[in-house]
Amino acid sequence: MAIFGVAVICWLACLGYARAWSVAELLDGVQKSYKKIRDLQADFRQEATLPMLNRVTEAGGRLYLKMPGKMRWEYLQGQEKLVVINENTMWFYEPNEQQVTITDLTKLPNSQELLTFLTGMGDLRREFLVEEAQAPVETKEGYFMVKLLPRSKTSQWTTLRLLIDPRNFHVVQTAFEGIQGERTVIHYSNISTDLGLPEELFQFKIPEGAEVIHYPAEGTKP
């Protein structure tokens, strides 16, 4: 009988049998996981769909995060560009245009939502409405999809979906839809944590000769 029980367990394991996860357990796992790490590095692949223009654009590169509040997106495939966020300031650099846009995140509504959009981090329960009554959707890879909704009625997006790996609670995909039907999906791979990333990665020096744009424009009320 014992041998039979072991055989059944092995058979279920071979079939990829896994426990059922609730939305609350998955989100709590993500929160606890990211609270423990100091920094993170990952490759990313991005697909942006603009239905009004009937256009799909693809890009890819490498993402660096350092807790708290520091982020660097290097777009190496597709149109080259760089995004650096250090606490309340974001620099967006387009080398082909020789243009830098400097954004004061404190003057933007829902800026914390924006950061959580991009990383799947932050305080998910505080920033979003969570549909905990619905069971998360499991993919064939064994990941689970969780759907989040905006709290603010003035948000420029309608739905955020996180694809979560339950083995380590890493977010392996974020997908969000805008109010005009636009959709951005970002896939994350080769995720590594606690690498001791240098501070220099999250500093930005304006290239000589580059045009500088401030957003919101100086003197503009939030």
N, C-alpha and C. Protein backbone atom coordinates (compact mmCIF):
# COMPACT_ATOMS: atom_id res chain seq x y z
N MET A 1 0.83 -1.20 0.00
CA MET A 1 0.00 0.00 0.00
C MET A 1 0.86 1.26 0.00
N ALA A 2 1.95 1.23 0.79
CA ALA A 2 2.85 2.37 0.84
C ALA A 2 3.51 2.60 -0.51
N ILE A 3 3.89 1.49 -1.16
CA ILE A 3 4.52 1.60 -2.47
C ILE A 3 3.54 2.23 -3.47
N PHE A 4 2.26 1.81 -3.37
CA PHE A 4 1.23 2.34 -4.25
C PHE A 4 1.08 3.85 -4.04
N GLY A 5 1.10 4.30 -2.77
CA GLY A 5 0.97 5.73 -2.46
C GLY A 5 2.11 6.53 -3.04
N VAL A 6 3.34 6.01 -2.91
CA VAL A 6 4.50 6.69 -3.48
C VAL A 6 4.37 6.79 -4.99
N ALA A 7 3.88 5.70 -5.60
CA ALA A 7 3.72 5.68 -7.06
C ALA A 7 2.72 6.74 -7.51
N VAL A 8 1.62 6.90 -6.75
CA VAL A 8 0.62 7.89 -7.10
C VAL A 8 1.20 9.30 -7.01
N ILE A 9 1.97 9.56 -5.95
CA ILE A 9 2.59 10.88 -5.78
C ILE A 9 3.53 11.18 -6.93
N CYS A 10 4.33 10.20 -7.32
CA CYS A 10 5.27 10.39 -8.43
C CYS A 10 4.52 10.62 -9.74
N TRP A 11 3.41 9.91 -9.91
CA TRP A 11 2.60 10.05 -11.13
C TRP A 11 2.01 11.44 -11.22
N LEU A 12 1.50 11.95 -10.09
CA LEU A 12 0.93 13.29 -10.07
C LEU A 12 2.01 14.34 -10.34
N ALA A 13 3.20 14.11 -9.79
CA ALA A 13 4.29 15.05 -10.01
C ALA A 13 4.66 15.10 -11.48
N CYS A 14 4.67 13.95 -12.13
CA CYS A 14 5.00 13.90 -13.55
C CYS A 14 3.96 14.62 -14.39
N LEU A 15 2.72 14.62 -13.92
CA LEU A 15 1.66 15.30 -14.65
C LEU A 15 1.68 16.81 -14.41
N GLY A 16 2.58 17.25 -13.51
CA GLY A 16 2.64 18.67 -13.21
C GLY A 16 1.58 19.09 -12.20
N TYR A 17 1.13 18.17 -11.40
CA TYR A 17 0.10 18.48 -10.41
C TYR A 17 0.60 19.56 -9.46
N ALA A 18 -0.23 20.54 -9.19
CA ALA A 18 0.15 21.64 -8.30
C ALA A 18 -1.04 22.01 -7.43
N ARG A 19 -0.75 22.64 -6.32
CA ARG A 19 -1.80 23.05 -5.43
C ARG A 19 -2.57 24.21 -6.04
N ALA A 20 -3.77 24.42 -5.54
CA ALA A 20 -4.58 25.55 -6.01
C ALA A 20 -4.20 26.78 -5.19
N TRP A 21 -3.96 27.88 -5.88
CA TRP A 21 -3.57 29.13 -5.22
C TRP A 21 -4.74 30.11 -5.27
N SER A 22 -4.89 30.87 -4.20
CA SER A 22 -5.88 31.94 -4.19
C SER A 22 -5.19 33.24 -4.62
N VAL A 23 -6.00 34.22 -5.02
CA VAL A 23 -5.46 35.52 -5.40
C VAL A 23 -4.73 36.15 -4.22
N ALA A 24 -5.32 36.05 -3.03
CA ALA A 24 -4.71 36.64 -1.84
C ALA A 24 -3.35 36.03 -1.55
N GLU A 25 -3.23 34.70 -1.66
CA GLU A 25 -1.95 34.04 -1.41
C GLU A 25 -0.88 34.47 -2.40
N LEU A 26 -1.25 34.60 -3.66
CA LEU A 26 -0.29 35.00 -4.69
C LEU A 26 0.19 36.43 -4.48
N LEU A 27 -0.73 37.35 -4.20
CA LEU A 27 -0.34 38.74 -3.99
C LEU A 27 0.49 38.90 -2.72
N ASP A 28 0.11 38.19 -1.67
CA ASP A 28 0.91 38.24 -0.44
C ASP A 28 2.31 37.69 -0.68
N GLY A 29 2.39 36.64 -1.50
CA GLY A 29 3.70 36.07 -1.82
C GLY A 29 4.57 37.05 -2.58
N VAL A 30 3.97 37.77 -3.54
CA VAL A 30 4.72 38.77 -4.30
C VAL A 30 5.22 39.87 -3.37
N GLN A 31 4.34 40.37 -2.50
CA GLN A 31 4.72 41.43 -1.58
C GLN A 31 5.88 41.03 -0.68
N LYS A 32 5.77 39.84 -0.09
CA LYS A 32 6.80 39.37 0.83
C LYS A 32 8.12 39.13 0.09
N SER A 33 8.03 38.60 -1.13
CA SER A 33 9.23 38.31 -1.91
C SER A 33 10.00 39.58 -2.21
N TYR A 34 9.30 40.63 -2.67
CA TYR A 34 10.00 41.84 -3.07
C TYR A 34 10.41 42.71 -1.90
N LYS A 35 9.80 42.49 -0.75
CA LYS A 35 10.25 43.22 0.44
C LYS A 35 11.60 42.71 0.93
N LYS A 36 11.93 41.47 0.57
CA LYS A 36 13.17 40.86 1.04
C LYS A 36 14.37 41.24 0.18
N ILE A 37 14.14 41.53 -1.10
CA ILE A 37 15.28 41.73 -1.99
C ILE A 37 15.77 43.17 -1.94
N ARG A 38 17.05 43.34 -2.27
CA ARG A 38 17.67 44.67 -2.31
C ARG A 38 17.70 45.23 -3.73
N ASP A 39 17.91 44.35 -4.71
CA ASP A 39 17.91 44.79 -6.09
C ASP A 39 17.54 43.63 -7.00
N LEU A 40 17.30 43.95 -8.27
CA LEU A 40 16.84 42.94 -9.22
C LEU A 40 17.30 43.32 -10.63
N GLN A 41 17.64 42.29 -11.40
CA GLN A 41 18.01 42.48 -12.80
C GLN A 41 17.25 41.46 -13.63
N ALA A 42 16.76 41.87 -14.80
CA ALA A 42 16.01 40.96 -15.66
C ALA A 42 16.07 41.43 -17.10
N ASP A 43 15.95 40.49 -18.02
CA ASP A 43 15.73 40.84 -19.42
C ASP A 43 14.24 41.04 -19.63
N PHE A 44 13.87 41.91 -20.57
CA PHE A 44 12.45 42.11 -20.83
C PHE A 44 12.18 42.18 -22.33
N ARG A 45 10.95 41.81 -22.65
CA ARG A 45 10.44 41.90 -24.03
C ARG A 45 9.08 42.57 -23.96
N GLN A 46 8.90 43.62 -24.72
CA GLN A 46 7.69 44.45 -24.64
C GLN A 46 6.93 44.45 -25.96
N GLU A 47 5.61 44.32 -25.85
CA GLU A 47 4.74 44.41 -27.01
C GLU A 47 3.67 45.46 -26.71
N ALA A 48 3.60 46.47 -27.56
CA ALA A 48 2.62 47.55 -27.37
C ALA A 48 1.67 47.57 -28.56
N THR A 49 0.37 47.51 -28.27
CA THR A 49 -0.65 47.50 -29.31
C THR A 49 -1.47 48.78 -29.24
N LEU A 50 -1.55 49.48 -30.38
CA LEU A 50 -2.35 50.70 -30.49
C LEU A 50 -3.44 50.46 -31.51
N PRO A 51 -4.64 50.03 -31.07
CA PRO A 51 -5.70 49.67 -32.02
C PRO A 51 -6.18 50.83 -32.87
N MET A 52 -6.12 52.06 -32.35
CA MET A 52 -6.58 53.21 -33.12
C MET A 52 -5.71 53.45 -34.34
N LEU A 53 -4.43 53.06 -34.24
CA LEU A 53 -3.50 53.21 -35.36
C LEU A 53 -3.24 51.88 -36.06
N ASN A 54 -3.89 50.82 -35.54
CA ASN A 54 -3.68 49.48 -36.09
C ASN A 54 -2.19 49.15 -36.14
N ARG A 55 -1.51 49.37 -35.01
CA ARG A 55 -0.07 49.22 -34.98
C ARG A 55 0.37 48.42 -33.74
N VAL A 56 1.34 47.54 -33.97
CA VAL A 56 1.95 46.78 -32.88
C VAL A 56 3.46 47.02 -32.94
N THR A 57 4.04 47.45 -31.83
CA THR A 57 5.48 47.66 -31.78
C THR A 57 6.10 46.73 -30.75
N GLU A 58 7.31 46.26 -31.05
CA GLU A 58 8.02 45.36 -30.16
C GLU A 58 9.37 45.96 -29.78
N ALA A 59 9.78 45.70 -28.57
CA ALA A 59 11.06 46.19 -28.07
C ALA A 59 11.56 45.23 -27.00
N GLY A 60 12.81 45.40 -26.63
CA GLY A 60 13.36 44.53 -25.59
C GLY A 60 14.65 45.11 -25.05
N GLY A 61 15.08 44.57 -23.93
CA GLY A 61 16.32 45.06 -23.33
C GLY A 61 16.52 44.49 -21.94
N ARG A 62 17.04 45.33 -21.08
CA ARG A 62 17.35 44.88 -19.72
C ARG A 62 16.83 45.88 -18.70
N LEU A 63 16.31 45.33 -17.61
CA LEU A 63 15.73 46.11 -16.52
C LEU A 63 16.58 45.94 -15.27
N TYR A 64 16.81 47.05 -14.57
CA TYR A 64 17.50 47.03 -13.28
C TYR A 64 16.62 47.74 -12.25
N LEU A 65 16.51 47.15 -11.07
CA LEU A 65 15.76 47.76 -9.97
C LEU A 65 16.62 47.78 -8.72
N LYS A 66 16.49 48.84 -7.95
CA LYS A 66 17.15 48.89 -6.64
C LYS A 66 16.18 49.50 -5.66
N MET A 67 15.97 48.79 -4.55
CA MET A 67 15.00 49.24 -3.57
C MET A 67 15.61 50.27 -2.63
N PRO A 68 14.85 51.32 -2.28
CA PRO A 68 13.51 51.63 -2.81
C PRO A 68 13.58 52.69 -3.90
N GLY A 69 12.73 52.60 -4.87
CA GLY A 69 12.46 53.70 -5.79
C GLY A 69 13.47 53.98 -6.88
N LYS A 70 14.30 52.98 -7.26
CA LYS A 70 15.28 53.23 -8.32
C LYS A 70 15.11 52.19 -9.42
N MET A 71 15.13 52.66 -10.67
CA MET A 71 14.82 51.79 -11.78
C MET A 71 15.57 52.25 -13.03
N ARG A 72 15.97 51.29 -13.85
CA ARG A 72 16.64 51.61 -15.11
C ARG A 72 16.17 50.63 -16.18
N TRP A 73 15.63 51.15 -17.28
CA TRP A 73 15.20 50.36 -18.42
C TRP A 73 16.08 50.69 -19.61
N GLU A 74 16.85 49.73 -20.06
CA GLU A 74 17.70 49.91 -21.25
C GLU A 74 17.03 49.20 -22.43
N TYR A 75 16.52 49.97 -23.38
CA TYR A 75 15.91 49.41 -24.57
C TYR A 75 17.00 49.18 -25.61
N LEU A 76 17.31 47.91 -25.86
CA LEU A 76 18.41 47.54 -26.73
C LEU A 76 17.94 46.95 -28.06
N GLN A 77 16.69 46.52 -28.11
CA GLN A 77 16.10 45.98 -29.33
C GLN A 77 14.94 46.87 -29.74
N GLY A 78 14.80 47.11 -31.03
CA GLY A 78 13.83 48.09 -31.48
C GLY A 78 14.46 49.46 -31.40
N GLN A 79 13.65 50.48 -31.19
CA GLN A 79 14.19 51.84 -31.09
C GLN A 79 14.94 52.00 -29.78
N GLU A 80 16.20 52.40 -29.87
CA GLU A 80 17.04 52.54 -28.67
C GLU A 80 16.56 53.70 -27.81
N LYS A 81 16.42 53.44 -26.52
CA LYS A 81 16.06 54.48 -25.57
C LYS A 81 16.43 54.04 -24.17
N LEU A 82 16.40 54.97 -23.24
CA LEU A 82 16.79 54.70 -21.86
C LEU A 82 15.84 55.42 -20.92
N VAL A 83 15.38 54.70 -19.90
CA VAL A 83 14.54 55.28 -18.85
C VAL A 83 15.23 55.05 -17.51
N VAL A 84 15.44 56.12 -16.77
CA VAL A 84 16.04 56.03 -15.44
C VAL A 84 15.12 56.72 -14.45
N ILE A 85 14.79 56.02 -13.37
CA ILE A 85 13.98 56.61 -12.30
C ILE A 85 14.77 56.53 -11.00
N ASN A 86 14.90 57.67 -10.35
CA ASN A 86 15.58 57.74 -9.06
C ASN A 86 14.68 58.54 -8.12
N GLU A 87 13.97 57.79 -7.28
CA GLU A 87 13.00 58.35 -6.35
C GLU A 87 11.92 59.13 -7.12
N ASN A 88 11.92 60.45 -7.08
CA ASN A 88 10.81 61.23 -7.65
C ASN A 88 11.11 61.83 -9.01
N THR A 89 12.22 61.44 -9.63
CA THR A 89 12.60 62.00 -10.93
C THR A 89 12.77 60.89 -11.95
N MET A 90 12.22 61.12 -13.16
CA MET A 90 12.39 60.17 -14.25
C MET A 90 13.04 60.87 -15.44
N TRP A 91 14.08 60.25 -16.01
CA TRP A 91 14.73 60.72 -17.21
C TRP A 91 14.40 59.75 -18.35
N PHE A 92 13.95 60.30 -19.45
CA PHE A 92 13.64 59.49 -20.63
C PHE A 92 14.50 60.01 -21.78
N TYR A 93 15.45 59.19 -22.24
CA TYR A 93 16.44 59.62 -23.22
C TYR A 93 16.26 58.86 -24.52
N GLU A 94 16.13 59.60 -25.63
CA GLU A 94 16.05 59.02 -26.96
C GLU A 94 17.30 59.46 -27.74
N PRO A 95 18.30 58.57 -27.85
CA PRO A 95 19.56 58.93 -28.52
C PRO A 95 19.37 59.39 -29.96
N ASN A 96 18.48 58.75 -30.71
CA ASN A 96 18.28 59.12 -32.11
C ASN A 96 17.74 60.53 -32.26
N GLU A 97 16.96 60.97 -31.26
CA GLU A 97 16.39 62.31 -31.29
C GLU A 97 17.25 63.32 -30.53
N GLN A 98 18.26 62.80 -29.81
CA GLN A 98 19.08 63.64 -28.95
C GLN A 98 18.20 64.49 -28.04
N GLN A 99 17.27 63.80 -27.36
CA GLN A 99 16.29 64.49 -26.54
C GLN A 99 16.14 63.79 -25.19
N VAL A 100 16.10 64.59 -24.12
CA VAL A 100 15.91 64.08 -22.77
C VAL A 100 14.66 64.73 -22.18
N THR A 101 13.72 63.92 -21.70
CA THR A 101 12.55 64.43 -20.99
C THR A 101 12.71 64.14 -19.51
N ILE A 102 12.67 65.17 -18.70
CA ILE A 102 12.82 65.03 -17.25
C ILE A 102 11.44 65.22 -16.62
N THR A 103 10.96 64.20 -15.93
CA THR A 103 9.62 64.22 -15.35
C THR A 103 9.68 64.25 -13.84
N ASP A 104 8.97 65.18 -13.25
CA ASP A 104 8.82 65.26 -11.79
C ASP A 104 7.62 64.41 -11.41
N LEU A 105 7.87 63.23 -10.86
CA LEU A 105 6.80 62.28 -10.56
C LEU A 105 5.88 62.76 -9.45
N THR A 106 6.36 63.68 -8.62
CA THR A 106 5.51 64.19 -7.53
C THR A 106 4.38 65.06 -8.08
N LYS A 107 4.52 65.54 -9.30
CA LYS A 107 3.51 66.42 -9.88
C LYS A 107 2.58 65.69 -10.84
N LEU A 108 2.72 64.37 -10.89
CA LEU A 108 1.87 63.58 -11.77
C LEU A 108 0.84 62.82 -10.94
N PRO A 109 -0.41 62.84 -11.35
CA PRO A 109 -1.42 62.04 -10.63
C PRO A 109 -1.16 60.57 -10.85
N ASN A 110 -1.34 59.78 -9.79
CA ASN A 110 -1.21 58.32 -9.88
C ASN A 110 0.18 57.87 -10.30
N SER A 111 1.23 58.63 -9.92
CA SER A 111 2.58 58.24 -10.31
C SER A 111 2.98 56.92 -9.67
N GLN A 112 2.50 56.63 -8.45
CA GLN A 112 2.82 55.36 -7.82
C GLN A 112 2.19 54.20 -8.58
N GLU A 113 1.00 54.44 -9.15
CA GLU A 113 0.39 53.42 -9.99
C GLU A 113 1.29 53.12 -11.18
N LEU A 114 1.86 54.18 -11.76
CA LEU A 114 2.74 54.00 -12.91
C LEU A 114 3.91 53.09 -12.58
N LEU A 115 4.54 53.34 -11.43
CA LEU A 115 5.69 52.53 -11.04
C LEU A 115 5.27 51.08 -10.80
N THR A 116 4.11 50.88 -10.19
CA THR A 116 3.64 49.53 -9.94
C THR A 116 3.28 48.84 -11.25
N PHE A 117 2.75 49.61 -12.20
CA PHE A 117 2.49 49.08 -13.53
C PHE A 117 3.74 48.40 -14.09
N LEU A 118 4.83 49.14 -14.07
CA LEU A 118 6.03 48.72 -14.77
C LEU A 118 6.72 47.54 -14.11
N THR A 119 6.57 47.39 -12.83
CA THR A 119 7.34 46.37 -12.12
C THR A 119 6.51 45.27 -11.49
N GLY A 120 5.22 45.52 -11.28
CA GLY A 120 4.43 44.55 -10.53
C GLY A 120 4.75 44.60 -9.05
N MET A 121 5.44 45.66 -8.61
CA MET A 121 5.82 45.80 -7.22
C MET A 121 4.98 46.90 -6.57
N GLY A 122 5.41 47.31 -5.39
CA GLY A 122 4.66 48.33 -4.66
C GLY A 122 3.62 47.66 -3.78
N ASP A 123 2.76 48.47 -3.18
CA ASP A 123 1.71 47.96 -2.32
C ASP A 123 0.50 47.67 -3.19
N LEU A 124 0.36 46.44 -3.63
CA LEU A 124 -0.67 46.09 -4.60
C LEU A 124 -2.07 46.31 -4.05
N ARG A 125 -2.30 45.98 -2.80
CA ARG A 125 -3.64 46.13 -2.22
C ARG A 125 -4.00 47.60 -2.02
N ARG A 126 -3.01 48.44 -1.76
CA ARG A 126 -3.29 49.86 -1.56
C ARG A 126 -3.51 50.57 -2.89
N GLU A 127 -2.74 50.21 -3.90
CA GLU A 127 -2.79 50.91 -5.17
C GLU A 127 -3.89 50.42 -6.10
N PHE A 128 -4.37 49.18 -5.87
CA PHE A 128 -5.30 48.58 -6.82
C PHE A 128 -6.49 47.94 -6.12
N LEU A 129 -7.58 47.80 -6.88
CA LEU A 129 -8.71 46.98 -6.46
C LEU A 129 -8.43 45.55 -6.90
N VAL A 130 -8.58 44.62 -5.98
CA VAL A 130 -8.22 43.22 -6.24
C VAL A 130 -9.48 42.37 -6.33
N GLU A 131 -9.59 41.61 -7.40
CA GLU A 131 -10.72 40.69 -7.56
C GLU A 131 -10.38 39.35 -6.91
N GLU A 132 -10.52 39.31 -5.58
CA GLU A 132 -10.11 38.12 -4.84
C GLU A 132 -11.14 37.00 -4.94
N ALA A 133 -12.37 37.34 -5.31
CA ALA A 133 -13.41 36.30 -5.38
C ALA A 133 -13.18 35.34 -6.53
N GLN A 134 -12.51 35.81 -7.59
CA GLN A 134 -12.26 34.97 -8.74
C GLN A 134 -10.95 34.22 -8.58
N ALA A 135 -10.96 32.95 -8.93
CA ALA A 135 -9.74 32.15 -8.85
C ALA A 135 -8.76 32.59 -9.93
N PRO A 136 -7.46 32.64 -9.63
CA PRO A 136 -6.49 33.03 -10.65
C PRO A 136 -6.42 31.99 -11.77
N VAL A 137 -6.14 32.44 -12.97
CA VAL A 137 -6.05 31.56 -14.13
C VAL A 137 -4.65 30.97 -14.21
N GLU A 138 -4.57 29.65 -14.34
CA GLU A 138 -3.26 28.99 -14.45
C GLU A 138 -2.91 28.77 -15.91
N THR A 139 -1.66 29.07 -16.27
CA THR A 139 -1.18 28.85 -17.63
C THR A 139 -0.57 27.46 -17.74
N LYS A 140 -0.28 27.03 -18.95
CA LYS A 140 0.30 25.71 -19.15
C LYS A 140 1.72 25.62 -18.58
N GLU A 141 2.37 26.78 -18.38
CA GLU A 141 3.71 26.79 -17.79
C GLU A 141 3.67 26.70 -16.26
N GLY A 142 2.46 26.74 -15.68
CA GLY A 142 2.34 26.67 -14.24
C GLY A 142 2.34 28.04 -13.57
N TYR A 143 2.23 29.13 -14.35
CA TYR A 143 2.12 30.47 -13.80
C TYR A 143 0.64 30.78 -13.52
N PHE A 144 0.41 31.83 -12.72
CA PHE A 144 -0.97 32.21 -12.39
C PHE A 144 -1.20 33.68 -12.73
N MET A 145 -2.33 33.95 -13.37
CA MET A 145 -2.69 35.30 -13.78
C MET A 145 -3.64 35.92 -12.75
N VAL A 146 -3.29 37.12 -12.27
CA VAL A 146 -4.11 37.85 -11.32
C VAL A 146 -4.52 39.17 -11.95
N LYS A 147 -5.79 39.50 -11.83
CA LYS A 147 -6.34 40.71 -12.44
C LYS A 147 -6.54 41.80 -11.38
N LEU A 148 -6.05 43.01 -11.69
CA LEU A 148 -6.18 44.15 -10.79
C LEU A 148 -6.89 45.28 -11.52
N LEU A 149 -7.61 46.10 -10.76
CA LEU A 149 -8.37 47.22 -11.32
C LEU A 149 -7.96 48.51 -10.64
N PRO A 150 -8.14 49.66 -11.32
CA PRO A 150 -7.73 50.94 -10.71
C PRO A 150 -8.67 51.37 -9.59
N ARG A 151 -8.11 52.04 -8.60
CA ARG A 151 -8.93 52.63 -7.55
C ARG A 151 -9.44 54.02 -7.96
N SER A 152 -8.60 54.74 -8.68
CA SER A 152 -8.95 56.10 -9.05
C SER A 152 -9.85 56.12 -10.29
N LYS A 153 -10.87 56.95 -10.25
CA LYS A 153 -11.78 57.08 -11.39
C LYS A 153 -11.15 57.87 -12.53
N THR A 154 -10.02 58.53 -12.25
CA THR A 154 -9.36 59.32 -13.28
C THR A 154 -8.17 58.60 -13.90
N SER A 155 -7.99 57.32 -13.56
CA SER A 155 -6.86 56.56 -14.10
C SER A 155 -6.94 56.45 -15.62
N GLN A 156 -5.79 56.40 -16.24
CA GLN A 156 -5.71 56.28 -17.70
C GLN A 156 -5.64 54.83 -18.15
N TRP A 157 -5.91 53.90 -17.26
CA TRP A 157 -5.88 52.49 -17.60
C TRP A 157 -7.12 51.81 -17.03
N THR A 158 -7.42 50.63 -17.52
CA THR A 158 -8.63 49.93 -17.09
C THR A 158 -8.35 48.61 -16.39
N THR A 159 -7.28 47.92 -16.78
CA THR A 159 -6.99 46.60 -16.23
C THR A 159 -5.49 46.36 -16.19
N LEU A 160 -5.02 45.77 -15.10
CA LEU A 160 -3.64 45.33 -14.99
C LEU A 160 -3.64 43.85 -14.64
N ARG A 161 -2.91 43.07 -15.40
CA ARG A 161 -2.79 41.64 -15.13
C ARG A 161 -1.34 41.29 -14.82
N LEU A 162 -1.15 40.56 -13.74
CA LEU A 162 0.18 40.09 -13.35
C LEU A 162 0.25 38.59 -13.54
N LEU A 163 1.31 38.13 -14.18
CA LEU A 163 1.56 36.70 -14.31
C LEU A 163 2.65 36.34 -13.29
N ILE A 164 2.30 35.45 -12.36
CA ILE A 164 3.14 35.19 -11.19
C ILE A 164 3.64 33.75 -11.21
N ASP A 165 4.93 33.58 -10.94
CA ASP A 165 5.53 32.26 -10.78
C ASP A 165 5.40 31.86 -9.31
N PRO A 166 4.58 30.86 -8.96
CA PRO A 166 4.35 30.53 -7.55
C PRO A 166 5.55 29.88 -6.86
N ARG A 167 6.54 29.48 -7.63
CA ARG A 167 7.73 28.87 -7.02
C ARG A 167 8.57 29.88 -6.26
N ASN A 168 8.60 31.12 -6.75
CA ASN A 168 9.41 32.14 -6.10
C ASN A 168 8.68 33.49 -6.00
N PHE A 169 7.44 33.53 -6.53
CA PHE A 169 6.59 34.72 -6.51
C PHE A 169 7.19 35.89 -7.30
N HIS A 170 7.99 35.56 -8.30
CA HIS A 170 8.44 36.59 -9.22
C HIS A 170 7.31 36.91 -10.20
N VAL A 171 7.21 38.18 -10.57
CA VAL A 171 6.28 38.58 -11.63
C VAL A 171 6.99 38.39 -12.95
N VAL A 172 6.49 37.49 -13.79
CA VAL A 172 7.16 37.18 -15.06
C VAL A 172 6.49 37.88 -16.24
N GLN A 173 5.38 38.55 -15.98
CA GLN A 173 4.73 39.33 -17.04
C GLN A 173 3.78 40.35 -16.43
N THR A 174 3.77 41.56 -16.98
CA THR A 174 2.75 42.54 -16.65
C THR A 174 2.04 42.92 -17.95
N ALA A 175 0.73 43.07 -17.87
CA ALA A 175 -0.06 43.46 -19.04
C ALA A 175 -1.11 44.46 -18.60
N PHE A 176 -1.13 45.64 -19.21
CA PHE A 176 -2.16 46.61 -18.84
C PHE A 176 -2.79 47.23 -20.06
N GLU A 177 -4.06 47.58 -19.89
CA GLU A 177 -4.86 48.15 -20.97
C GLU A 177 -5.27 49.58 -20.62
N GLY A 178 -5.18 50.46 -21.61
CA GLY A 178 -5.54 51.86 -21.41
C GLY A 178 -7.00 52.12 -21.74
N ILE A 179 -7.44 53.33 -21.44
CA ILE A 179 -8.85 53.67 -21.61
C ILE A 179 -9.25 53.76 -23.08
N GLN A 180 -8.27 53.85 -23.99
CA GLN A 180 -8.58 53.90 -25.41
C GLN A 180 -8.30 52.57 -26.11
N GLY A 181 -8.14 51.52 -25.30
CA GLY A 181 -7.94 50.20 -25.87
C GLY A 181 -6.50 49.81 -26.11
N GLU A 182 -5.58 50.72 -25.83
CA GLU A 182 -4.17 50.38 -26.01
C GLU A 182 -3.75 49.33 -24.98
N ARG A 183 -2.81 48.48 -25.38
CA ARG A 183 -2.41 47.36 -24.52
C ARG A 183 -0.89 47.22 -24.56
N THR A 184 -0.28 47.10 -23.38
CA THR A 184 1.16 46.90 -23.27
C THR A 184 1.44 45.65 -22.46
N VAL A 185 2.19 44.73 -23.03
CA VAL A 185 2.55 43.49 -22.36
C VAL A 185 4.07 43.44 -22.25
N ILE A 186 4.58 43.20 -21.04
CA ILE A 186 6.01 43.10 -20.81
C ILE A 186 6.32 41.75 -20.19
N HIS A 187 7.18 40.98 -20.86
CA HIS A 187 7.61 39.67 -20.38
C HIS A 187 8.99 39.81 -19.74
N TYR A 188 9.18 39.18 -18.58
CA TYR A 188 10.46 39.25 -17.87
C TYR A 188 11.09 37.86 -17.83
N SER A 189 12.41 37.80 -18.05
CA SER A 189 13.12 36.52 -18.01
C SER A 189 14.52 36.73 -17.43
N ASN A 190 15.20 35.63 -17.13
CA ASN A 190 16.55 35.68 -16.56
C ASN A 190 16.60 36.62 -15.35
N ILE A 191 15.63 36.43 -14.45
CA ILE A 191 15.52 37.29 -13.28
C ILE A 191 16.55 36.89 -12.22
N SER A 192 17.34 37.87 -11.78
CA SER A 192 18.33 37.65 -10.71
C SER A 192 18.14 38.73 -9.65
N THR A 193 18.37 38.35 -8.40
CA THR A 193 18.18 39.31 -7.30
C THR A 193 19.43 39.40 -6.43
N ASP A 194 19.50 40.52 -5.69
CA ASP A 194 20.57 40.76 -4.72
C ASP A 194 21.95 40.62 -5.35
N LEU A 195 22.18 41.39 -6.41
CA LEU A 195 23.44 41.36 -7.12
C LEU A 195 24.41 42.45 -6.65
N GLY A 196 23.91 43.35 -5.81
CA GLY A 196 24.75 44.47 -5.40
C GLY A 196 24.93 45.48 -6.53
N LEU A 197 23.84 45.84 -7.20
CA LEU A 197 23.92 46.76 -8.34
C LEU A 197 24.47 48.11 -7.89
N PRO A 198 25.39 48.69 -8.67
CA PRO A 198 26.00 49.98 -8.28
C PRO A 198 25.03 51.14 -8.43
N GLU A 199 25.22 52.16 -7.61
CA GLU A 199 24.37 53.35 -7.65
C GLU A 199 24.46 54.07 -8.99
N GLU A 200 25.60 53.94 -9.66
CA GLU A 200 25.81 54.64 -10.93
C GLU A 200 24.77 54.26 -11.98
N LEU A 201 24.22 53.05 -11.88
CA LEU A 201 23.20 52.63 -12.83
C LEU A 201 21.96 53.50 -12.78
N PHE A 202 21.71 54.11 -11.63
CA PHE A 202 20.47 54.84 -11.42
C PHE A 202 20.70 56.36 -11.38
N GLN A 203 21.82 56.76 -11.94
CA GLN A 203 22.11 58.17 -12.10
C GLN A 203 22.15 58.48 -13.59
N PHE A 204 21.74 59.68 -13.95
CA PHE A 204 21.71 60.03 -15.36
C PHE A 204 22.40 61.37 -15.59
N LYS A 205 23.32 61.37 -16.52
CA LYS A 205 24.01 62.60 -16.91
C LYS A 205 23.53 63.00 -18.30
N ILE A 206 23.03 64.21 -18.42
CA ILE A 206 22.48 64.67 -19.69
C ILE A 206 23.60 64.76 -20.72
N PRO A 207 23.47 64.08 -21.85
CA PRO A 207 24.51 64.13 -22.89
C PRO A 207 24.68 65.55 -23.44
N GLU A 208 25.89 65.89 -23.75
CA GLU A 208 26.18 67.21 -24.29
C GLU A 208 25.44 67.43 -25.60
N GLY A 209 24.76 68.55 -25.71
CA GLY A 209 24.05 68.88 -26.93
C GLY A 209 22.63 68.38 -27.01
N ALA A 210 22.20 67.59 -26.02
CA ALA A 210 20.84 67.04 -26.05
C ALA A 210 19.81 68.10 -25.67
N GLU A 211 18.66 68.06 -26.33
CA GLU A 211 17.55 68.94 -25.99
C GLU A 211 16.91 68.43 -24.70
N VAL A 212 16.58 69.33 -23.79
CA VAL A 212 16.00 68.96 -22.51
C VAL A 212 14.58 69.50 -22.41
N ILE A 213 13.64 68.62 -22.10
CA ILE A 213 12.24 68.99 -21.92
C ILE A 213 11.82 68.63 -20.50
N HIS A 214 11.19 69.55 -19.82
CA HIS A 214 10.71 69.29 -18.46
C HIS A 214 9.21 69.02 -18.50
N TYR A 215 8.81 67.96 -17.78
CA TYR A 215 7.39 67.62 -17.72
C TYR A 215 6.99 67.28 -16.28
N PRO A 216 5.89 67.88 -15.78
CA PRO A 216 5.12 68.95 -16.42
C PRO A 216 5.99 70.19 -16.64
N ALA A 217 5.57 71.04 -17.58
CA ALA A 217 6.32 72.25 -17.87
C ALA A 217 6.45 73.08 -16.60
N GLU A 218 7.59 73.71 -16.45
CA GLU A 218 7.83 74.50 -15.23
C GLU A 218 6.77 75.58 -15.08
N GLY A 219 6.22 75.64 -13.87
CA GLY A 219 5.14 76.59 -13.59
C GLY A 219 3.77 76.01 -13.76
N THR A 220 3.69 74.76 -14.27
CA THR A 220 2.39 74.10 -14.45
C THR A 220 1.93 73.50 -13.14
N LYS A 221 0.67 73.73 -12.78
CA LYS A 221 0.13 73.16 -11.55
C LYS A 221 -0.19 71.70 -11.78
N PRO A 222 0.04 70.79 -10.78
CA PRO A 222 -0.29 69.37 -10.93
C PRO A 222 -1.77 69.17 -11.06
